[in-house]
Amino acid sequence: MARLAYFFSTFPKLSETFALSQVQATRALGLACLTVANRRPAAGGYDPGDRELVRTTFYLTPAKPLVYGKALLWVRRQRPQAWVQALTLALTLKDGGRHQRLLHLAHLAGAAVLARFCQAQQVGQVHVHYAYGAASVALFLQALAGIPYSLSIHGSDVLLENPFLEAKLAGARFIVSNCQYHCRQLRGRYPSLAGKRFYVVPGGVDLGRGLWANAVPPAPEGPLRLLLVGRLVPVKGIDLLLEACARLRRQQLPFICRIVGDGPEKSRLQQLVQSLGLGEQVQLLGALYQDEVARLYDWSQVVVLSSRSEGTPMTIIEAMAKARPVVAPRLTAIPEMVAEGKTGFLFEPGAAADLAAKLARLAAESDLRARQGEAARQQAAAKFNLWTNARKFLAILAQEVPALDLHQPLEVQDDIRRNLSPIGHYSLPG
C-alpha cells in the first residue's frame, strides 16, 4: 500500500495550526503519512511541543549543491523522457515575473530530491497545503516522477497575487477548499478548472479535549474586552480596528483591546496607537503560543477581524469554539462562517464607523453577547469539529486514491463513508 506525504512550504508553523491539526488527526485515525517541507520554521516560529515534528519532517533546504546534482542525475537516468518534459516545463512556464526560470530550476532540483525520498518511503500521493512554493515543487515532482499531488487551498494563496496559480491548480489531482467561495471564484476566474474536482472541508478544532474543549461564558460586567488575532500586515486592516477603537473612545465607551500577532506593521501600528490616544486601551502583545492565545479567548468578550481580504480565518473558528461572538467584514467566505445577528455581526469592509457601531451595540447588550456566543459554540460543534472534518478528508482520499494505506478498522471505514456523502464533489449550481 502507498503512503501519503503532506507537503508544506514551512512546517510546523505557529500561524498554520489548522494544518498541523489535520496531520495529527488523520494520523490518529490511521492514515499512514509523512511530513515534508521546503524549509524549517525559524527559531520561535513553532510551538515547543512540536519539536518531535521538526525532527521527523523531511526538509528540502538547506541542502548541499551536490545533493541536488546527484538527485537530478538520478532522475535523468531513471526517467529520461520525464526529465526532458519537466525541464521543458521549467524553461517555458511563464507568468511575467523576474528570474522565473531560475526559480523553476530551483524547484525542479527540489522535486528531484523529493522524488528520491518518495521512492524510498513508498509515497504514492503528495498532498500540498497552500498553493505557494511547495505546490510549485509538487508540479515538477509530478512531471519528473509521476507522483500525483492534491492541493488544499486556504485563502491568501488564491485571493492574493500568486505566481503560476492556474498551473498549480490545474495540475492537481483534486482540490480541497475550506469554503464554497473559493470554488466558485476559481472556476469563474480560470476556465481550465471547469472539470476539476473540488471538495469542501472546513477547518476545525478539537472540541472534545485540550484547549478548545471548554468554553467559559464571557463575563457580563466591566469594560468591553476585544481581541484580534492575526499577522501585523496591511491586509489584516488593523489600522481600521484602531480607528474604530478611537471612535469608541470619543463616545466615552469603556473598552480594552488586545492584539496578538507580529509582522512588519508592528512599529507603524504602535505609533498609530499613541497618535490616536489609545495607549491605555490597546495592547500589541506580539506572537504567542497557542495555549496563551486560548487563554486570551477566555479573557475576551468579543473577537474582532478587520481584514481587507480574508479566506476562512482560523480565528473565527477558535472564537466560536470559545463561545465568543465575532465581528468581521462582510467579504469572501466570512458570511459562510459568521451568521449575521446570530453568531456575531458583519460590517461593511473598510468602514470603521460601521465596525465601531457593531462593537458599541455588543458593549451595550451583555445578554446579546452571551446569546451570540452560545450560538457560535453550537455552530463550531456542527461545522468546525476537527474529527468530523478529518474523517471527511479521509473519505476524499479513500475515494480519490484507493491505493493509499489508510489503516482504518471496519467501524471507522463505515464512519468515513457516511461522512463522504455531505461533502462529495463540489459543483456549481446550474
Protein backbone atom coordinates (compact mmCIF):
# COMPACT_ATOMS: atom_id res chain seq x y z
CA MET A 1 0.00 0.00 0.00
CA ALA A 2 1.19 3.52 -0.82
CA ARG A 3 1.75 6.27 1.73
CA LEU A 4 0.72 9.92 1.69
CA ALA A 5 3.18 12.77 2.18
CA TYR A 6 1.81 16.05 3.50
CA PHE A 7 3.87 18.81 1.88
CA PHE A 8 4.27 22.39 3.17
CA SER A 9 6.36 25.41 2.34
CA THR A 10 7.21 25.68 6.07
CA PHE A 11 6.23 23.17 8.75
CA PRO A 12 5.27 23.34 11.57
CA LYS A 13 4.26 26.98 11.78
CA LEU A 14 2.56 28.99 14.53
CA SER A 15 0.20 30.73 12.11
CA GLU A 16 -0.93 27.47 10.47
CA THR A 17 -2.07 25.37 13.41
CA PHE A 18 -5.11 24.12 11.44
CA ALA A 19 -2.84 22.25 9.00
CA LEU A 20 -0.89 20.72 11.87
CA SER A 21 -4.18 19.66 13.48
CA GLN A 22 -5.25 17.90 10.29
CA VAL A 23 -1.97 15.97 10.13
CA GLN A 24 -2.30 14.86 13.75
CA ALA A 25 -6.00 13.95 13.47
CA THR A 26 -5.67 11.93 10.27
CA ARG A 27 -2.67 10.10 11.71
CA ALA A 28 -4.70 9.27 14.81
CA LEU A 29 -7.46 7.93 12.54
CA GLY A 30 -4.99 5.58 10.86
CA LEU A 31 -3.56 7.41 7.83
CA ALA A 32 -0.01 6.29 7.06
CA CYS A 33 1.60 9.63 6.24
CA LEU A 34 4.86 11.56 6.31
CA THR A 35 5.51 15.29 6.59
CA VAL A 36 7.71 17.14 4.11
CA ALA A 37 8.51 20.86 3.82
CA ASN A 38 10.61 23.16 1.70
CA ARG A 39 12.18 24.69 4.82
CA ARG A 40 12.34 24.50 8.59
CA PRO A 41 10.48 27.01 10.76
CA ALA A 42 12.52 29.84 12.22
CA ALA A 43 13.53 29.71 15.85
CA GLY A 44 10.46 30.62 17.88
CA GLY A 45 8.25 30.11 14.84
CA TYR A 46 6.65 26.93 16.16
CA ASP A 47 5.28 25.63 19.44
CA PRO A 48 7.92 23.97 21.66
CA GLY A 49 5.62 20.96 21.91
CA ASP A 50 6.14 20.35 18.19
CA ARG A 51 9.89 19.62 18.39
CA GLU A 52 9.31 15.98 17.50
CA LEU A 53 7.53 17.04 14.31
CA VAL A 54 10.52 19.17 13.35
CA ARG A 55 12.80 16.20 13.99
CA THR A 56 10.76 13.79 11.85
CA THR A 57 9.87 16.13 8.97
CA PHE A 58 11.94 15.83 5.78
CA TYR A 59 13.23 19.26 4.65
CA LEU A 60 14.40 20.09 1.15
CA THR A 61 16.54 23.02 2.35
CA PRO A 62 19.20 23.71 3.25
CA ALA A 63 20.91 21.08 1.12
CA LYS A 64 24.36 20.98 -0.43
CA PRO A 65 24.50 21.57 -4.20
CA LEU A 66 25.98 18.09 -4.60
CA VAL A 67 22.80 16.56 -3.15
CA TYR A 68 20.65 18.38 -5.71
CA GLY A 69 23.03 17.46 -8.53
CA LYS A 70 23.02 13.77 -7.65
CA ALA A 71 19.24 13.76 -7.42
CA LEU A 72 18.87 15.40 -10.85
CA LEU A 73 21.25 12.88 -12.41
CA TRP A 74 19.39 10.02 -10.73
CA VAL A 75 16.04 11.17 -12.15
CA ARG A 76 17.58 11.69 -15.57
CA ARG A 77 18.83 8.09 -15.60
CA GLN A 78 15.63 6.63 -14.17
CA ARG A 79 13.11 8.58 -16.28
CA PRO A 80 14.88 10.26 -19.22
CA GLN A 81 11.71 11.18 -21.10
CA ALA A 82 10.05 12.63 -17.99
CA TRP A 83 13.27 14.54 -17.28
CA VAL A 84 13.10 16.24 -20.69
CA GLN A 85 9.42 17.09 -20.22
CA ALA A 86 9.99 18.52 -16.74
CA LEU A 87 12.98 20.58 -17.89
CA THR A 88 10.94 21.91 -20.80
CA LEU A 89 8.18 22.89 -18.36
CA ALA A 90 10.72 24.71 -16.18
CA LEU A 91 12.05 26.68 -19.14
CA THR A 92 8.70 27.55 -20.73
CA LEU A 93 6.25 28.12 -17.83
CA LYS A 94 5.79 31.88 -17.60
CA ASP A 95 3.94 34.46 -15.56
CA GLY A 96 5.99 37.53 -16.45
CA GLY A 97 7.95 37.57 -13.17
CA ARG A 98 11.67 38.28 -12.99
CA HIS A 99 14.11 35.39 -12.63
CA GLN A 100 11.26 32.92 -13.20
CA ARG A 101 13.42 30.34 -14.99
CA LEU A 102 15.98 30.29 -12.18
CA LEU A 103 13.20 29.78 -9.65
CA HIS A 104 11.70 26.98 -11.74
CA LEU A 105 15.08 25.27 -11.98
CA ALA A 106 15.46 25.51 -8.19
CA HIS A 107 12.01 23.96 -7.77
CA LEU A 108 12.93 21.28 -10.31
CA ALA A 109 16.04 20.39 -8.27
CA GLY A 110 13.94 20.25 -5.11
CA ALA A 111 11.48 17.98 -6.89
CA ALA A 112 14.32 15.62 -7.82
CA VAL A 113 15.43 15.35 -4.18
CA LEU A 114 11.83 14.80 -3.14
CA ALA A 115 11.38 12.14 -5.84
CA ARG A 116 14.21 10.04 -4.34
CA PHE A 117 12.73 10.45 -0.87
CA CYS A 118 9.24 9.47 -2.05
CA GLN A 119 10.52 6.36 -3.81
CA ALA A 120 12.45 5.25 -0.73
CA GLN A 121 9.42 5.86 1.52
CA GLN A 122 6.83 4.35 -0.86
CA VAL A 123 4.92 7.61 -1.22
CA GLY A 124 2.17 7.34 -3.81
CA GLN A 125 0.41 10.69 -3.27
CA VAL A 126 1.56 14.13 -2.12
CA HIS A 127 -0.96 16.48 -0.52
CA VAL A 128 0.12 20.12 -0.51
CA HIS A 129 -1.20 22.72 1.92
CA TYR A 130 -1.34 26.18 0.29
CA ALA A 131 -0.69 26.88 -3.39
CA TYR A 132 2.68 28.52 -2.76
CA GLY A 133 6.25 27.24 -3.28
CA ALA A 134 5.51 23.69 -2.17
CA ALA A 135 2.82 23.47 -4.86
CA SER A 136 5.39 24.56 -7.47
CA VAL A 137 7.77 21.81 -6.36
CA ALA A 138 4.88 19.30 -6.44
CA LEU A 139 4.07 20.35 -10.01
CA PHE A 140 7.62 19.44 -11.07
CA LEU A 141 7.61 16.30 -8.90
CA GLN A 142 4.58 15.05 -10.82
CA ALA A 143 6.30 15.77 -14.13
CA LEU A 144 9.60 14.17 -13.05
CA ALA A 145 8.46 11.12 -11.11
CA GLY A 146 4.81 10.65 -12.00
CA ILE A 147 3.78 11.08 -8.35
CA PRO A 148 0.43 12.92 -8.33
CA TYR A 149 -0.36 15.73 -5.94
CA SER A 150 -3.53 17.14 -4.48
CA LEU A 151 -3.94 20.58 -3.01
CA SER A 152 -5.61 22.24 -0.03
CA ILE A 153 -6.29 25.94 -0.63
CA HIS A 154 -6.95 28.29 2.27
CA GLY A 155 -7.28 31.97 1.42
CA SER A 156 -4.28 34.21 0.79
CA ASP A 157 -2.84 31.65 -1.63
CA VAL A 158 -5.80 32.04 -4.03
CA LEU A 159 -7.02 35.56 -3.20
CA LEU A 160 -3.73 37.47 -3.40
CA GLU A 161 -1.15 37.58 -6.17
CA ASN A 162 0.41 34.14 -6.56
CA PRO A 163 2.68 33.20 -9.49
CA PHE A 164 1.56 30.28 -11.70
CA LEU A 165 -1.58 29.76 -9.62
CA GLU A 166 -3.60 28.40 -12.54
CA ALA A 167 -0.88 25.89 -13.48
CA LYS A 168 -0.62 24.65 -9.88
CA LEU A 169 -4.38 24.28 -9.56
CA ALA A 170 -4.78 22.66 -12.97
CA GLY A 171 -2.03 20.12 -12.25
CA ALA A 172 -3.60 18.91 -9.01
CA ARG A 173 -5.39 15.56 -8.95
CA PHE A 174 -8.15 17.20 -6.90
CA ILE A 175 -8.53 20.34 -4.80
CA VAL A 176 -9.78 20.66 -1.23
CA SER A 177 -11.14 24.08 -0.27
CA ASN A 178 -12.16 25.21 3.18
CA CYS A 179 -15.17 27.09 1.77
CA GLN A 180 -17.51 27.23 -1.20
CA TYR A 181 -16.46 30.79 -2.07
CA HIS A 182 -13.03 29.70 -3.34
CA CYS A 183 -14.57 27.00 -5.53
CA ARG A 184 -16.90 29.48 -7.23
CA GLN A 185 -14.27 32.19 -7.50
CA LEU A 186 -11.57 29.98 -9.00
CA ARG A 187 -13.84 28.28 -11.51
CA GLY A 188 -15.06 31.68 -12.63
CA ARG A 189 -11.51 33.03 -12.96
CA TYR A 190 -9.94 30.01 -14.69
CA PRO A 191 -12.00 28.20 -17.36
CA SER A 192 -9.33 25.45 -17.37
CA LEU A 193 -10.68 24.34 -13.97
CA ALA A 194 -14.21 23.66 -15.25
CA GLY A 195 -13.78 19.90 -14.91
CA LYS A 196 -11.54 19.93 -11.84
CA ARG A 197 -12.82 18.01 -8.81
CA PHE A 198 -13.27 20.33 -5.83
CA TYR A 199 -14.18 19.23 -2.30
CA VAL A 200 -15.16 21.44 0.62
CA VAL A 201 -13.71 20.56 4.03
CA PRO A 202 -13.75 23.39 6.62
CA GLY A 203 -11.02 23.80 9.17
CA GLY A 204 -11.64 22.61 12.69
CA VAL A 205 -10.53 22.37 16.30
CA ASP A 206 -10.75 19.55 18.80
CA LEU A 207 -13.87 20.36 20.81
CA GLY A 208 -13.65 17.22 22.91
CA ARG A 209 -10.33 17.74 24.66
CA GLY A 210 -7.45 20.13 25.04
CA LEU A 211 -7.52 23.89 24.61
CA TRP A 212 -10.89 24.15 22.87
CA ALA A 213 -12.90 21.64 24.89
CA ASN A 214 -14.21 24.14 27.44
CA ALA A 215 -15.99 27.39 26.69
CA VAL A 216 -16.24 29.72 29.68
CA PRO A 217 -19.15 32.20 29.31
CA PRO A 218 -17.85 35.76 28.87
CA ALA A 219 -18.09 37.92 31.96
CA PRO A 220 -21.01 40.36 31.53
CA GLU A 221 -19.54 43.24 33.52
CA GLY A 222 -16.62 45.62 33.08
CA PRO A 223 -15.18 47.38 30.03
CA LEU A 224 -15.80 45.69 26.68
CA ARG A 225 -12.92 43.26 26.12
CA LEU A 226 -11.91 42.97 22.46
CA LEU A 227 -9.43 40.50 20.95
CA LEU A 228 -7.87 40.37 17.49
CA VAL A 229 -5.52 37.54 16.48
CA GLY A 230 -3.62 37.98 13.22
CA ARG A 231 -0.39 38.87 11.48
CA LEU A 232 0.58 42.55 11.61
CA VAL A 233 0.43 43.04 7.85
CA PRO A 234 -1.53 45.59 5.79
CA VAL A 235 -4.14 43.10 4.55
CA LYS A 236 -5.30 42.47 8.14
CA GLY A 237 -6.52 46.08 8.36
CA ILE A 238 -5.55 46.52 11.99
CA ASP A 239 -5.37 50.28 11.47
CA LEU A 240 -9.12 50.07 10.73
CA LEU A 241 -9.73 48.46 14.13
CA LEU A 242 -7.65 51.17 15.79
CA GLU A 243 -9.75 53.84 14.07
CA ALA A 244 -12.91 52.11 15.30
CA CYS A 245 -11.41 52.00 18.81
CA ALA A 246 -10.72 55.73 18.61
CA ARG A 247 -14.42 56.24 17.80
CA LEU A 248 -15.41 54.19 20.86
CA ARG A 249 -13.07 56.29 22.99
CA ARG A 250 -14.63 59.53 21.71
CA GLN A 251 -18.02 58.08 22.67
CA GLN A 252 -16.57 57.51 26.17
CA LEU A 253 -17.37 53.81 25.87
CA PRO A 254 -15.03 51.84 28.17
CA PHE A 255 -13.10 49.04 26.44
CA ILE A 256 -9.81 47.15 26.36
CA CYS A 257 -8.42 45.77 23.09
CA ARG A 258 -5.63 43.21 22.87
CA ILE A 259 -3.98 42.36 19.56
CA VAL A 260 -1.99 39.11 19.16
CA GLY A 261 0.49 38.76 16.31
CA ASP A 262 3.71 40.01 14.85
CA GLY A 263 4.81 41.33 11.49
CA PRO A 264 6.24 44.24 9.51
CA GLU A 265 3.45 46.66 10.53
CA LYS A 266 4.25 46.44 14.24
CA SER A 267 6.22 49.69 14.56
CA ARG A 268 3.72 51.69 12.50
CA LEU A 269 0.78 50.33 14.46
CA GLN A 270 2.45 51.13 17.79
CA GLN A 271 2.90 54.71 16.62
CA LEU A 272 -0.73 54.82 15.48
CA VAL A 273 -1.91 53.61 18.88
CA GLN A 274 -0.10 56.51 20.50
CA SER A 275 -1.18 59.14 17.98
CA LEU A 276 -4.84 58.13 18.45
CA GLY A 277 -4.53 58.39 22.22
CA LEU A 278 -5.22 54.66 22.72
CA GLY A 279 -2.16 53.83 24.82
CA GLU A 280 -4.26 52.87 27.85
CA GLN A 281 -6.86 50.83 25.94
CA VAL A 282 -4.92 48.95 23.22
CA GLN A 283 -2.12 46.45 23.73
CA LEU A 284 0.01 44.86 21.00
CA LEU A 285 1.08 41.57 22.56
CA GLY A 286 3.22 40.12 19.75
CA ALA A 287 3.18 36.48 18.66
CA LEU A 288 2.05 33.98 21.30
CA TYR A 289 1.85 30.21 21.56
CA GLN A 290 -1.50 28.52 21.13
CA ASP A 291 -2.16 27.90 24.82
CA GLU A 292 -1.59 31.60 25.53
CA VAL A 293 -3.94 32.56 22.71
CA ALA A 294 -6.60 30.19 24.05
CA ARG A 295 -6.46 31.92 27.44
CA LEU A 296 -6.95 35.28 25.74
CA TYR A 297 -10.10 33.99 24.04
CA ASP A 298 -11.36 33.13 27.54
CA TRP A 299 -10.48 36.65 28.67
CA SER A 300 -12.27 38.30 25.75
CA GLN A 301 -15.95 39.16 25.34
CA VAL A 302 -15.86 39.80 21.58
CA VAL A 303 -13.41 38.66 18.87
CA VAL A 304 -12.77 41.07 16.00
CA LEU A 305 -11.40 40.79 12.46
CA SER A 306 -10.80 43.96 10.49
CA SER A 307 -9.20 42.50 7.36
CA ARG A 308 -9.32 43.96 3.87
CA SER A 309 -9.11 40.45 2.41
CA GLU A 310 -9.59 37.05 4.04
CA GLY A 311 -10.27 33.42 3.25
CA THR A 312 -11.68 31.42 6.15
CA PRO A 313 -9.84 32.79 9.18
CA MET A 314 -8.97 30.24 11.85
CA THR A 315 -9.50 32.90 14.47
CA ILE A 316 -13.24 32.80 13.71
CA ILE A 317 -13.33 29.05 14.32
CA GLU A 318 -11.35 29.40 17.54
CA ALA A 319 -13.55 32.25 18.76
CA MET A 320 -16.69 30.21 18.11
CA ALA A 321 -15.18 27.22 19.91
CA LYS A 322 -14.67 29.51 22.90
CA ALA A 323 -18.30 30.75 22.68
CA ARG A 324 -17.37 34.27 21.65
CA PRO A 325 -19.34 36.40 19.19
CA VAL A 326 -17.35 37.54 16.17
CA VAL A 327 -17.41 40.91 14.42
CA ALA A 328 -15.88 40.62 10.96
CA PRO A 329 -16.06 42.21 7.49
CA ARG A 330 -18.71 41.04 5.05
CA LEU A 331 -16.34 39.68 2.39
CA THR A 332 -15.22 36.47 0.65
CA ALA A 333 -16.12 33.36 2.70
CA ILE A 334 -16.71 35.08 6.04
CA PRO A 335 -20.53 35.13 5.59
CA GLU A 336 -20.32 31.31 5.33
CA MET A 337 -18.82 31.31 8.83
CA VAL A 338 -20.49 34.13 10.75
CA ALA A 339 -24.31 34.11 10.82
CA GLU A 340 -25.30 37.79 10.86
CA GLY A 341 -27.01 38.69 14.12
CA LYS A 342 -26.86 35.11 15.40
CA THR A 343 -23.19 34.26 15.99
CA GLY A 344 -21.87 37.79 15.60
CA PHE A 345 -22.08 40.76 13.23
CA LEU A 346 -20.74 41.55 9.77
CA PHE A 347 -19.65 45.09 8.98
CA GLU A 348 -19.06 46.85 5.69
CA PRO A 349 -15.44 46.18 4.62
CA GLY A 350 -13.21 49.19 5.25
CA ALA A 351 -15.90 51.08 7.20
CA ALA A 352 -14.53 51.98 10.64
CA ALA A 353 -17.81 53.69 11.57
CA ASP A 354 -19.80 50.53 10.87
CA LEU A 355 -17.30 48.40 12.80
CA ALA A 356 -17.48 50.80 15.76
CA ALA A 357 -21.29 50.74 15.69
CA LYS A 358 -21.37 46.92 15.84
CA LEU A 359 -18.91 46.92 18.74
CA ALA A 360 -20.89 49.61 20.57
CA ARG A 361 -24.06 47.52 20.32
CA LEU A 362 -22.34 44.48 21.80
CA ALA A 363 -20.86 46.66 24.54
CA ALA A 364 -24.37 47.83 25.50
CA GLU A 365 -26.05 44.39 25.42
CA SER A 366 -24.34 41.76 27.54
CA ASP A 367 -27.30 39.37 27.04
CA LEU A 368 -26.81 39.61 23.26
CA ARG A 369 -23.11 38.79 23.66
CA ALA A 370 -24.00 35.70 25.68
CA ARG A 371 -26.66 34.51 23.20
CA GLN A 372 -24.39 35.00 20.21
CA GLY A 373 -21.53 33.26 21.99
CA GLU A 374 -23.69 30.24 22.80
CA ALA A 375 -24.90 30.04 19.18
CA ALA A 376 -21.29 30.34 18.00
CA ARG A 377 -20.23 27.35 20.10
CA GLN A 378 -23.13 25.32 18.67
CA GLN A 379 -22.06 26.24 15.13
CA ALA A 380 -18.46 25.27 15.90
CA ALA A 381 -19.67 21.84 17.03
CA ALA A 382 -21.82 21.41 13.91
CA LYS A 383 -19.41 22.71 11.27
CA PHE A 384 -15.88 23.10 12.63
CA ASN A 385 -15.26 19.88 14.55
CA LEU A 386 -11.72 18.68 13.84
CA TRP A 387 -12.52 14.97 13.94
CA THR A 388 -15.60 15.18 11.74
CA ASN A 389 -13.67 17.16 9.14
CA ALA A 390 -10.61 14.89 9.36
CA ARG A 391 -12.91 11.96 8.55
CA LYS A 392 -14.30 13.89 5.59
CA PHE A 393 -10.78 14.40 4.30
CA LEU A 394 -10.02 10.70 4.71
CA ALA A 395 -13.21 9.91 2.83
CA ILE A 396 -11.97 12.01 -0.07
CA LEU A 397 -8.61 10.24 -0.02
CA ALA A 398 -10.33 6.84 0.07
CA GLN A 399 -12.36 7.79 -3.00
CA GLU A 400 -9.66 9.59 -4.96
CA VAL A 401 -6.58 7.49 -4.06
CA PRO A 402 -7.79 3.95 -3.22
CA ALA A 403 -4.20 2.64 -3.20
CA LEU A 404 -3.36 4.69 -0.10
CA ASP A 405 -2.71 2.93 3.20
CA LEU A 406 -5.50 4.26 5.45
CA HIS A 407 -5.29 1.56 8.16
CA GLN A 408 -8.83 2.04 9.44
CA PRO A 409 -10.76 -0.68 11.26
CA LEU A 410 -14.14 -1.55 9.73
CA GLU A 411 -16.19 0.69 12.03
CA VAL A 412 -14.04 3.72 11.14
CA GLN A 413 -14.29 2.88 7.42
CA ASP A 414 -18.09 2.89 7.73
CA ASP A 415 -17.94 6.22 9.54
CA ILE A 416 -15.77 7.65 6.75
CA ARG A 417 -18.22 6.51 4.08
CA ARG A 418 -21.10 8.17 5.95
CA ASN A 419 -19.15 11.39 6.11
CA LEU A 420 -18.40 11.40 2.39
CA SER A 421 -21.96 11.98 1.21
CA PRO A 422 -22.42 15.52 2.61
CA ILE A 423 -19.09 16.56 1.11
CA GLY A 424 -18.99 14.84 -2.23
CA HIS A 425 -17.85 16.53 -5.40
CA TYR A 426 -18.40 20.27 -5.29
CA SER A 427 -20.08 21.59 -8.42
CA LEU A 428 -21.64 24.93 -9.16
CA PRO A 429 -25.44 25.13 -9.40
CA GLY A 430 -26.90 25.43 -12.89
